[in-house]
Amino acid sequence: SNTGEGYVMVKYTGNNPKVKLQIQTPDGNKYTYLL
């Protein structure tokens, strides 16, 4: 909803203990986070 503000929000509702979020940017860089 607020990508124009420079951020995105993500929620994981499953039960897997190891979940990653990867964000690939327009310049091809890949950022990886733990959720």
PDB file of all heavy atoms in Angstrom:
ATOM      1  N   SER A   1       0.811  -1.219   0.000  1.00  0.00           N
ATOM      2  CA  SER A   1       0.000   0.000   0.000  1.00  0.00           C
ATOM      3  C   SER A   1       0.841   1.264   0.000  1.00  0.00           C
ATOM      4  O   SER A   1       0.406   2.312  -0.495  1.00  0.00           O
ATOM      5  CB  SER A   1      -0.926   0.015   1.221  1.00  0.00           C
ATOM      6  OG  SER A   1      -1.735  -1.135   1.271  1.00  0.00           O
ATOM      7  N   ASN A   2       2.041   1.193   0.581  1.00  0.00           N
ATOM      8  CA  ASN A   2       2.847   2.403   0.771  1.00  0.00           C
ATOM      9  C   ASN A   2       4.235   2.310   0.146  1.00  0.00           C
ATOM     10  O   ASN A   2       5.196   2.856   0.685  1.00  0.00           O
ATOM     11  CB  ASN A   2       2.957   2.697   2.269  1.00  0.00           C
ATOM     12  CG  ASN A   2       1.611   2.999   2.890  1.00  0.00           C
ATOM     13  OD1 ASN A   2       0.941   3.952   2.511  1.00  0.00           O
ATOM     14  ND2 ASN A   2       1.192   2.171   3.838  1.00  0.00           N
ATOM     15  N   THR A   3       4.297   1.681  -0.998  1.00  0.00           N
ATOM     16  CA  THR A   3       5.593   1.612  -1.677  1.00  0.00           C
ATOM     17  C   THR A   3       6.076   3.004  -2.088  1.00  0.00           C
ATOM     18  O   THR A   3       7.281   3.232  -2.209  1.00  0.00           O
ATOM     19  CB  THR A   3       5.525   0.702  -2.913  1.00  0.00           C
ATOM     20  OG1 THR A   3       4.490   1.177  -3.797  1.00  0.00           O
ATOM     21  CG2 THR A   3       5.229  -0.739  -2.521  1.00  0.00           C
ATOM     22  N   GLY A   4       5.152   3.936  -2.265  1.00  0.00           N
ATOM     23  CA  GLY A   4       5.533   5.310  -2.574  1.00  0.00           C
ATOM     24  C   GLY A   4       6.282   5.983  -1.445  1.00  0.00           C
ATOM     25  O   GLY A   4       6.969   6.984  -1.642  1.00  0.00           O
ATOM     26  N   GLU A   5       6.159   5.413  -0.239  1.00  0.00           N
ATOM     27  CA  GLU A   5       6.892   5.909   0.926  1.00  0.00           C
ATOM     28  C   GLU A   5       8.253   5.227   1.071  1.00  0.00           C
ATOM     29  O   GLU A   5       9.018   5.540   1.988  1.00  0.00           O
ATOM     30  CB  GLU A   5       6.079   5.675   2.191  1.00  0.00           C
ATOM     31  CG  GLU A   5       4.789   6.451   2.252  1.00  0.00           C
ATOM     32  CD  GLU A   5       5.036   7.951   2.325  1.00  0.00           C
ATOM     33  OE1 GLU A   5       5.632   8.414   3.309  1.00  0.00           O
ATOM     34  OE2 GLU A   5       4.631   8.655   1.377  1.00  0.00           O
ATOM     35  N   GLY A   6       8.535   4.266   0.178  1.00  0.00           N
ATOM     36  CA  GLY A   6       9.858   3.650   0.193  1.00  0.00           C
ATOM     37  C   GLY A   6       9.970   2.368   0.985  1.00  0.00           C
ATOM     38  O   GLY A   6      11.083   1.954   1.323  1.00  0.00           O
ATOM     39  N   TYR A   7       8.832   1.722   1.284  1.00  0.00           N
ATOM     40  CA  TYR A   7       8.907   0.466   2.017  1.00  0.00           C
ATOM     41  C   TYR A   7       7.766  -0.467   1.616  1.00  0.00           C
ATOM     42  O   TYR A   7       6.769  -0.061   1.024  1.00  0.00           O
ATOM     43  CB  TYR A   7       8.857   0.709   3.528  1.00  0.00           C
ATOM     44  CG  TYR A   7       7.541   1.236   4.051  1.00  0.00           C
ATOM     45  CD1 TYR A   7       6.497   0.374   4.404  1.00  0.00           C
ATOM     46  CD2 TYR A   7       7.325   2.601   4.206  1.00  0.00           C
ATOM     47  CE1 TYR A   7       5.287   0.859   4.881  1.00  0.00           C
ATOM     48  CE2 TYR A   7       6.120   3.101   4.692  1.00  0.00           C
ATOM     49  CZ  TYR A   7       5.097   2.216   5.030  1.00  0.00           C
ATOM     50  OH  TYR A   7       3.903   2.704   5.494  1.00  0.00           O
ATOM     51  N   VAL A   8       7.940  -1.740   1.954  1.00  0.00           N
ATOM     52  CA  VAL A   8       6.907  -2.751   1.767  1.00  0.00           C
ATOM     53  C   VAL A   8       6.831  -3.556   3.062  1.00  0.00           C
ATOM     54  O   VAL A   8       7.816  -3.640   3.809  1.00  0.00           O
ATOM     55  CB  VAL A   8       7.225  -3.662   0.563  1.00  0.00           C
ATOM     56  CG1 VAL A   8       8.505  -4.471   0.818  1.00  0.00           C
ATOM     57  CG2 VAL A   8       6.065  -4.574   0.216  1.00  0.00           C
ATOM     58  N   MET A   9       5.648  -4.119   3.364  1.00  0.00           N
ATOM     59  CA  MET A   9       5.482  -4.884   4.591  1.00  0.00           C
ATOM     60  C   MET A   9       5.090  -6.322   4.260  1.00  0.00           C
ATOM     61  O   MET A   9       4.292  -6.565   3.347  1.00  0.00           O
ATOM     62  CB  MET A   9       4.445  -4.229   5.504  1.00  0.00           C
ATOM     63  CG  MET A   9       4.805  -2.791   5.855  1.00  0.00           C
ATOM     64  SD  MET A   9       3.757  -2.048   7.131  1.00  0.00           S
ATOM     65  CE  MET A   9       4.451  -2.807   8.604  1.00  0.00           C
ATOM     66  N   VAL A  10       5.679  -7.270   5.003  1.00  0.00           N
ATOM     67  CA  VAL A  10       5.471  -8.693   4.728  1.00  0.00           C
ATOM     68  C   VAL A  10       5.191  -9.424   6.036  1.00  0.00           C
ATOM     69  O   VAL A  10       5.834  -9.162   7.054  1.00  0.00           O
ATOM     70  CB  VAL A  10       6.694  -9.318   4.027  1.00  0.00           C
ATOM     71  CG1 VAL A  10       6.448 -10.794   3.736  1.00  0.00           C
ATOM     72  CG2 VAL A  10       7.020  -8.565   2.732  1.00  0.00           C
ATOM     73  N   LYS A  11       4.227 -10.368   5.986  1.00  0.00           N
ATOM     74  CA  LYS A  11       3.892 -11.188   7.152  1.00  0.00           C
ATOM     75  C   LYS A  11       3.805 -12.648   6.736  1.00  0.00           C
ATOM     76  O   LYS A  11       3.170 -12.986   5.737  1.00  0.00           O
ATOM     77  CB  LYS A  11       2.560 -10.728   7.756  1.00  0.00           C
ATOM     78  CG  LYS A  11       2.064 -11.590   8.904  1.00  0.00           C
ATOM     79  CD  LYS A  11       0.857 -10.976   9.591  1.00  0.00           C
ATOM     80  CE  LYS A  11      -0.346 -10.906   8.683  1.00  0.00           C
ATOM     81  NZ  LYS A  11      -1.567 -10.432   9.395  1.00  0.00           N
ATOM     82  N   TYR A  12       4.418 -13.511   7.533  1.00  0.00           N
ATOM     83  CA  TYR A  12       4.331 -14.962   7.315  1.00  0.00           C
ATOM     84  C   TYR A  12       3.457 -15.552   8.409  1.00  0.00           C
ATOM     85  O   TYR A  12       3.673 -15.296   9.598  1.00  0.00           O
ATOM     86  CB  TYR A  12       5.717 -15.589   7.354  1.00  0.00           C
ATOM     87  CG  TYR A  12       5.706 -17.101   7.238  1.00  0.00           C
ATOM     88  CD1 TYR A  12       5.414 -17.713   6.025  1.00  0.00           C
ATOM     89  CD2 TYR A  12       5.962 -17.901   8.354  1.00  0.00           C
ATOM     90  CE1 TYR A  12       5.380 -19.100   5.923  1.00  0.00           C
ATOM     91  CE2 TYR A  12       5.940 -19.281   8.255  1.00  0.00           C
ATOM     92  CZ  TYR A  12       5.643 -19.885   7.042  1.00  0.00           C
ATOM     93  OH  TYR A  12       5.612 -21.253   6.937  1.00  0.00           O
ATOM     94  N   THR A  13       2.444 -16.349   8.045  1.00  0.00           N
ATOM     95  CA  THR A  13       1.504 -16.894   9.021  1.00  0.00           C
ATOM     96  C   THR A  13       1.568 -18.409   9.127  1.00  0.00           C
ATOM     97  O   THR A  13       0.740 -19.019   9.811  1.00  0.00           O
ATOM     98  CB  THR A  13       0.064 -16.471   8.673  1.00  0.00           C
ATOM     99  OG1 THR A  13      -0.246 -16.901   7.333  1.00  0.00           O
ATOM    100  CG2 THR A  13      -0.088 -14.963   8.775  1.00  0.00           C
ATOM    101  N   GLY A  14       2.540 -19.023   8.474  1.00  0.00           N
ATOM    102  CA  GLY A  14       2.693 -20.472   8.560  1.00  0.00           C
ATOM    103  C   GLY A  14       3.475 -20.880   9.794  1.00  0.00           C
ATOM    104  O   GLY A  14       3.762 -20.075  10.683  1.00  0.00           O
ATOM    105  N   ASN A  15       3.871 -22.154   9.838  1.00  0.00           N
ATOM    106  CA  ASN A  15       4.558 -22.705  11.006  1.00  0.00           C
ATOM    107  C   ASN A  15       5.978 -23.167  10.698  1.00  0.00           C
ATOM    108  O   ASN A  15       6.624 -23.745  11.570  1.00  0.00           O
ATOM    109  CB  ASN A  15       3.749 -23.874  11.573  1.00  0.00           C
ATOM    110  CG  ASN A  15       2.389 -23.442  12.087  1.00  0.00           C
ATOM    111  OD1 ASN A  15       2.274 -22.439  12.793  1.00  0.00           O
ATOM    112  ND2 ASN A  15       1.347 -24.181  11.713  1.00  0.00           N
ATOM    113  N   ASN A  16       6.452 -22.920   9.489  1.00  0.00           N
ATOM    114  CA  ASN A  16       7.821 -23.308   9.156  1.00  0.00           C
ATOM    115  C   ASN A  16       8.795 -22.446   9.961  1.00  0.00           C
ATOM    116  O   ASN A  16       8.684 -21.218   9.964  1.00  0.00           O
ATOM    117  CB  ASN A  16       8.066 -23.121   7.661  1.00  0.00           C
ATOM    118  CG  ASN A  16       9.349 -23.780   7.193  1.00  0.00           C
ATOM    119  OD1 ASN A  16      10.423 -23.484   7.687  1.00  0.00           O
ATOM    120  ND2 ASN A  16       9.227 -24.674   6.218  1.00  0.00           N
ATOM    121  N   PRO A  17       9.753 -23.038  10.670  1.00  0.00           N
ATOM    122  CA  PRO A  17      10.640 -22.256  11.543  1.00  0.00           C
ATOM    123  C   PRO A  17      11.730 -21.466  10.819  1.00  0.00           C
ATOM    124  O   PRO A  17      12.367 -20.614  11.419  1.00  0.00           O
ATOM    125  CB  PRO A  17      11.269 -23.318  12.449  1.00  0.00           C
ATOM    126  CG  PRO A  17      11.239 -24.565  11.616  1.00  0.00           C
ATOM    127  CD  PRO A  17       9.989 -24.491  10.801  1.00  0.00           C
ATOM    128  N   LYS A  18      11.938 -21.755   9.532  1.00  0.00           N
ATOM    129  CA  LYS A  18      12.979 -21.055   8.780  1.00  0.00           C
ATOM    130  C   LYS A  18      12.394 -20.532   7.474  1.00  0.00           C
ATOM    131  O   LYS A  18      12.200 -21.282   6.522  1.00  0.00           O
ATOM    132  CB  LYS A  18      14.166 -21.975   8.490  1.00  0.00           C
ATOM    133  CG  LYS A  18      14.908 -22.441   9.730  1.00  0.00           C
ATOM    134  CD  LYS A  18      16.088 -23.321   9.339  1.00  0.00           C
ATOM    135  CE  LYS A  18      16.845 -23.797  10.567  1.00  0.00           C
ATOM    136  NZ  LYS A  18      17.995 -24.671  10.198  1.00  0.00           N
ATOM    137  N   VAL A  19      12.111 -19.225   7.450  1.00  0.00           N
ATOM    138  CA  VAL A  19      11.486 -18.607   6.287  1.00  0.00           C
ATOM    139  C   VAL A  19      12.278 -17.373   5.895  1.00  0.00           C
ATOM    140  O   VAL A  19      12.619 -16.547   6.744  1.00  0.00           O
ATOM    141  CB  VAL A  19      10.029 -18.213   6.581  1.00  0.00           C
ATOM    142  CG1 VAL A  19       9.365 -17.632   5.343  1.00  0.00           C
ATOM    143  CG2 VAL A  19       9.246 -19.424   7.082  1.00  0.00           C
ATOM    144  N   LYS A  20      12.567 -17.262   4.615  1.00  0.00           N
ATOM    145  CA  LYS A  20      13.353 -16.145   4.110  1.00  0.00           C
ATOM    146  C   LYS A  20      12.539 -15.295   3.141  1.00  0.00           C
ATOM    147  O   LYS A  20      11.695 -15.800   2.404  1.00  0.00           O
ATOM    148  CB  LYS A  20      14.602 -16.649   3.374  1.00  0.00           C
ATOM    149  CG  LYS A  20      15.585 -17.407   4.238  1.00  0.00           C
ATOM    150  CD  LYS A  20      16.756 -17.902   3.407  1.00  0.00           C
ATOM    151  CE  LYS A  20      17.742 -18.692   4.246  1.00  0.00           C
ATOM    152  NZ  LYS A  20      18.882 -19.192   3.431  1.00  0.00           N
ATOM    153  N   LEU A  21      12.832 -14.001   3.163  1.00  0.00           N
ATOM    154  CA  LEU A  21      12.299 -13.073   2.166  1.00  0.00           C
ATOM    155  C   LEU A  21      13.464 -12.572   1.324  1.00  0.00           C
ATOM    156  O   LEU A  21      14.462 -12.100   1.865  1.00  0.00           O
ATOM    157  CB  LEU A  21      11.618 -11.885   2.841  1.00  0.00           C
ATOM    158  CG  LEU A  21      11.296 -10.690   1.929  1.00  0.00           C
ATOM    159  CD1 LEU A  21      10.227 -11.057   0.902  1.00  0.00           C
ATOM    160  CD2 LEU A  21      10.873  -9.479   2.749  1.00  0.00           C
ATOM    161  N   GLN A  22      13.321 -12.672   0.023  1.00  0.00           N
ATOM    162  CA  GLN A  22      14.321 -12.096  -0.879  1.00  0.00           C
ATOM    163  C   GLN A  22      13.661 -10.973  -1.678  1.00  0.00           C
ATOM    164  O   GLN A  22      12.569 -11.134  -2.223  1.00  0.00           O
ATOM    165  CB  GLN A  22      14.867 -13.142  -1.846  1.00  0.00           C
ATOM    166  CG  GLN A  22      15.942 -12.581  -2.779  1.00  0.00           C
ATOM    167  CD  GLN A  22      16.372 -13.605  -3.827  1.00  0.00           C
ATOM    168  OE1 GLN A  22      15.788 -13.677  -4.905  1.00  0.00           O
ATOM    169  NE2 GLN A  22      17.362 -14.405  -3.489  1.00  0.00           N
ATOM    170  N   ILE A  23      14.318  -9.820  -1.702  1.00  0.00           N
ATOM    171  CA  ILE A  23      13.844  -8.680  -2.493  1.00  0.00           C
ATOM    172  C   ILE A  23      14.884  -8.385  -3.562  1.00  0.00           C
ATOM    173  O   ILE A  23      16.031  -8.023  -3.255  1.00  0.00           O
ATOM    174  CB  ILE A  23      13.620  -7.437  -1.623  1.00  0.00           C
ATOM    175  CG1 ILE A  23      12.563  -7.717  -0.544  1.00  0.00           C
ATOM    176  CG2 ILE A  23      13.199  -6.250  -2.489  1.00  0.00           C
ATOM    177  CD1 ILE A  23      12.289  -6.548   0.378  1.00  0.00           C
ATOM    178  N   GLN A  24      14.482  -8.585  -4.818  1.00  0.00           N
ATOM    179  CA  GLN A  24      15.366  -8.235  -5.936  1.00  0.00           C
ATOM    180  C   GLN A  24      15.013  -6.836  -6.388  1.00  0.00           C
ATOM    181  O   GLN A  24      13.865  -6.534  -6.699  1.00  0.00           O
ATOM    182  CB  GLN A  24      15.225  -9.223  -7.091  1.00  0.00           C
ATOM    183  CG  GLN A  24      16.140  -8.880  -8.267  1.00  0.00           C
ATOM    184  CD  GLN A  24      16.202  -9.979  -9.302  1.00  0.00           C
ATOM    185  OE1 GLN A  24      16.401 -11.128  -8.980  1.00  0.00           O
ATOM    186  NE2 GLN A  24      15.991  -9.607 -10.567  1.00  0.00           N
ATOM    187  N   THR A  25      16.004  -5.942  -6.420  1.00  0.00           N
ATOM    188  CA  THR A  25      15.788  -4.538  -6.734  1.00  0.00           C
ATOM    189  C   THR A  25      15.839  -4.296  -8.241  1.00  0.00           C
ATOM    190  O   THR A  25      16.275  -5.170  -9.001  1.00  0.00           O
ATOM    191  CB  THR A  25      16.844  -3.678  -6.032  1.00  0.00           C
ATOM    192  OG1 THR A  25      18.140  -4.020  -6.557  1.00  0.00           O
ATOM    193  CG2 THR A  25      16.831  -3.916  -4.527  1.00  0.00           C
ATOM    194  N   PRO A  26      15.411  -3.118  -8.697  1.00  0.00           N
ATOM    195  CA  PRO A  26      15.445  -2.827 -10.139  1.00  0.00           C
ATOM    196  C   PRO A  26      16.840  -2.921 -10.748  1.00  0.00           C
ATOM    197  O   PRO A  26      16.974  -3.175 -11.951  1.00  0.00           O
ATOM    198  CB  PRO A  26      14.911  -1.386 -10.208  1.00  0.00           C
ATOM    199  CG  PRO A  26      14.046  -1.249  -9.008  1.00  0.00           C
ATOM    200  CD  PRO A  26      14.725  -2.042  -7.943  1.00  0.00           C
ATOM    201  N   ASP A  27      17.887  -2.720  -9.937  1.00  0.00           N
ATOM    202  CA  ASP A  27      19.245  -2.818 -10.468  1.00  0.00           C
ATOM    203  C   ASP A  27      19.805  -4.229 -10.382  1.00  0.00           C
ATOM    204  O   ASP A  27      20.983  -4.461 -10.653  1.00  0.00           O
ATOM    205  CB  ASP A  27      20.185  -1.834  -9.761  1.00  0.00           C
ATOM    206  CG  ASP A  27      20.189  -2.008  -8.252  1.00  0.00           C
ATOM    207  OD1 ASP A  27      19.609  -3.002  -7.759  1.00  0.00           O
ATOM    208  OD2 ASP A  27      20.766  -1.150  -7.556  1.00  0.00           O
ATOM    209  N   GLY A  28      18.960  -5.200 -10.003  1.00  0.00           N
ATOM    210  CA  GLY A  28      19.369  -6.601 -10.004  1.00  0.00           C
ATOM    211  C   GLY A  28      19.988  -7.101  -8.712  1.00  0.00           C
ATOM    212  O   GLY A  28      20.313  -8.287  -8.608  1.00  0.00           O
ATOM    213  N   ASN A  29      20.138  -6.229  -7.728  1.00  0.00           N
ATOM    214  CA  ASN A  29      20.701  -6.666  -6.452  1.00  0.00           C
ATOM    215  C   ASN A  29      19.662  -7.479  -5.684  1.00  0.00           C
ATOM    216  O   ASN A  29      18.456  -7.242  -5.802  1.00  0.00           O
ATOM    217  CB  ASN A  29      21.133  -5.454  -5.632  1.00  0.00           C
ATOM    218  CG  ASN A  29      22.295  -5.764  -4.713  1.00  0.00           C
ATOM    219  OD1 ASN A  29      22.763  -6.897  -4.637  1.00  0.00           O
ATOM    220  ND2 ASN A  29      22.762  -4.755  -4.004  1.00  0.00           N
ATOM    221  N   LYS A  30      20.112  -8.437  -4.877  1.00  0.00           N
ATOM    222  CA  LYS A  30      19.202  -9.300  -4.121  1.00  0.00           C
ATOM    223  C   LYS A  30      19.469  -9.168  -2.627  1.00  0.00           C
ATOM    224  O   LYS A  30      20.565  -9.450  -2.163  1.00  0.00           O
ATOM    225  CB  LYS A  30      19.350 -10.757  -4.563  1.00  0.00           C
ATOM    226  CG  LYS A  30      18.944 -10.994  -6.016  1.00  0.00           C
ATOM    227  CD  LYS A  30      19.158 -12.440  -6.423  1.00  0.00           C
ATOM    228  CE  LYS A  30      18.759 -12.666  -7.881  1.00  0.00           C
ATOM    229  NZ  LYS A  30      18.989 -14.067  -8.303  1.00  0.00           N
ATOM    230  N   TYR A  31      18.450  -8.742  -1.890  1.00  0.00           N
ATOM    231  CA  TYR A  31      18.511  -8.600  -0.445  1.00  0.00           C
ATOM    232  C   TYR A  31      17.760  -9.773   0.183  1.00  0.00           C
ATOM    233  O   TYR A  31      16.617 -10.051  -0.199  1.00  0.00           O
ATOM    234  CB  TYR A  31      17.844  -7.309   0.007  1.00  0.00           C
ATOM    235  CG  TYR A  31      18.569  -6.035  -0.373  1.00  0.00           C
ATOM    236  CD1 TYR A  31      18.662  -5.604  -1.699  1.00  0.00           C
ATOM    237  CD2 TYR A  31      19.148  -5.237   0.608  1.00  0.00           C
ATOM    238  CE1 TYR A  31      19.319  -4.429  -2.036  1.00  0.00           C
ATOM    239  CE2 TYR A  31      19.800  -4.059   0.284  1.00  0.00           C
ATOM    240  CZ  TYR A  31      19.886  -3.666  -1.036  1.00  0.00           C
ATOM    241  OH  TYR A  31      20.536  -2.502  -1.371  1.00  0.00           O
ATOM    242  N   THR A  32      18.362 -10.426   1.156  1.00  0.00           N
ATOM    243  CA  THR A  32      17.723 -11.569   1.796  1.00  0.00           C
ATOM    244  C   THR A  32      17.577 -11.345   3.297  1.00  0.00           C
ATOM    245  O   THR A  32      18.523 -10.940   3.968  1.00  0.00           O
ATOM    246  CB  THR A  32      18.514 -12.865   1.541  1.00  0.00           C
ATOM    247  OG1 THR A  32      18.671 -13.047   0.129  1.00  0.00           O
ATOM    248  CG2 THR A  32      17.789 -14.065   2.129  1.00  0.00           C
ATOM    249  N   TYR A  33      16.373 -11.584   3.815  1.00  0.00           N
ATOM    250  CA  TYR A  33      16.046 -11.397   5.226  1.00  0.00           C
ATOM    251  C   TYR A  33      15.428 -12.676   5.780  1.00  0.00           C
ATOM    252  O   TYR A  33      14.861 -13.478   5.030  1.00  0.00           O
ATOM    253  CB  TYR A  33      15.030 -10.270   5.413  1.00  0.00           C
ATOM    254  CG  TYR A  33      15.386  -8.941   4.799  1.00  0.00           C
ATOM    255  CD1 TYR A  33      15.065  -8.648   3.474  1.00  0.00           C
ATOM    256  CD2 TYR A  33      16.017  -7.948   5.552  1.00  0.00           C
ATOM    257  CE1 TYR A  33      15.370  -7.408   2.913  1.00  0.00           C
ATOM    258  CE2 TYR A  33      16.318  -6.710   5.010  1.00  0.00           C
ATOM    259  CZ  TYR A  33      15.992  -6.452   3.685  1.00  0.00           C
ATOM    260  OH  TYR A  33      16.297  -5.226   3.133  1.00  0.00           O
ATOM    261  N   LEU A  34      15.467 -12.845   7.106  1.00  0.00           N
ATOM    262  CA  LEU A  34      14.691 -13.879   7.779  1.00  0.00           C
ATOM    263  C   LEU A  34      13.382 -13.255   8.234  1.00  0.00           C
ATOM    264  O   LEU A  34      13.360 -12.147   8.776  1.00  0.00           O
ATOM    265  CB  LEU A  34      15.444 -14.432   8.986  1.00  0.00           C
ATOM    266  CG  LEU A  34      16.747 -15.185   8.698  1.00  0.00           C
ATOM    267  CD1 LEU A  34      17.294 -15.782   9.995  1.00  0.00           C
ATOM    268  CD2 LEU A  34      16.544 -16.280   7.656  1.00  0.00           C
ATOM    269  N   LEU A  35      12.269 -13.960   8.020  1.00  0.00           N
ATOM    270  CA  LEU A  35      10.971 -13.458   8.457  1.00  0.00           C
ATOM    271  C   LEU A  35      10.660 -13.917   9.874  1.00  0.00           C
ATOM    272  O   LEU A  35      11.033 -15.013  10.295  1.00  0.00           O
ATOM    273  CB  LEU A  35       9.870 -13.922   7.505  1.00  0.00           C
ATOM    274  CG  LEU A  35       9.829 -13.233   6.136  1.00  0.00           C
ATOM    275  CD1 LEU A  35       8.708 -13.808   5.289  1.00  0.00           C
ATOM    276  CD2 LEU A  35       9.648 -11.723   6.277  1.00  0.00           C
TER     277      LEU A  35
END
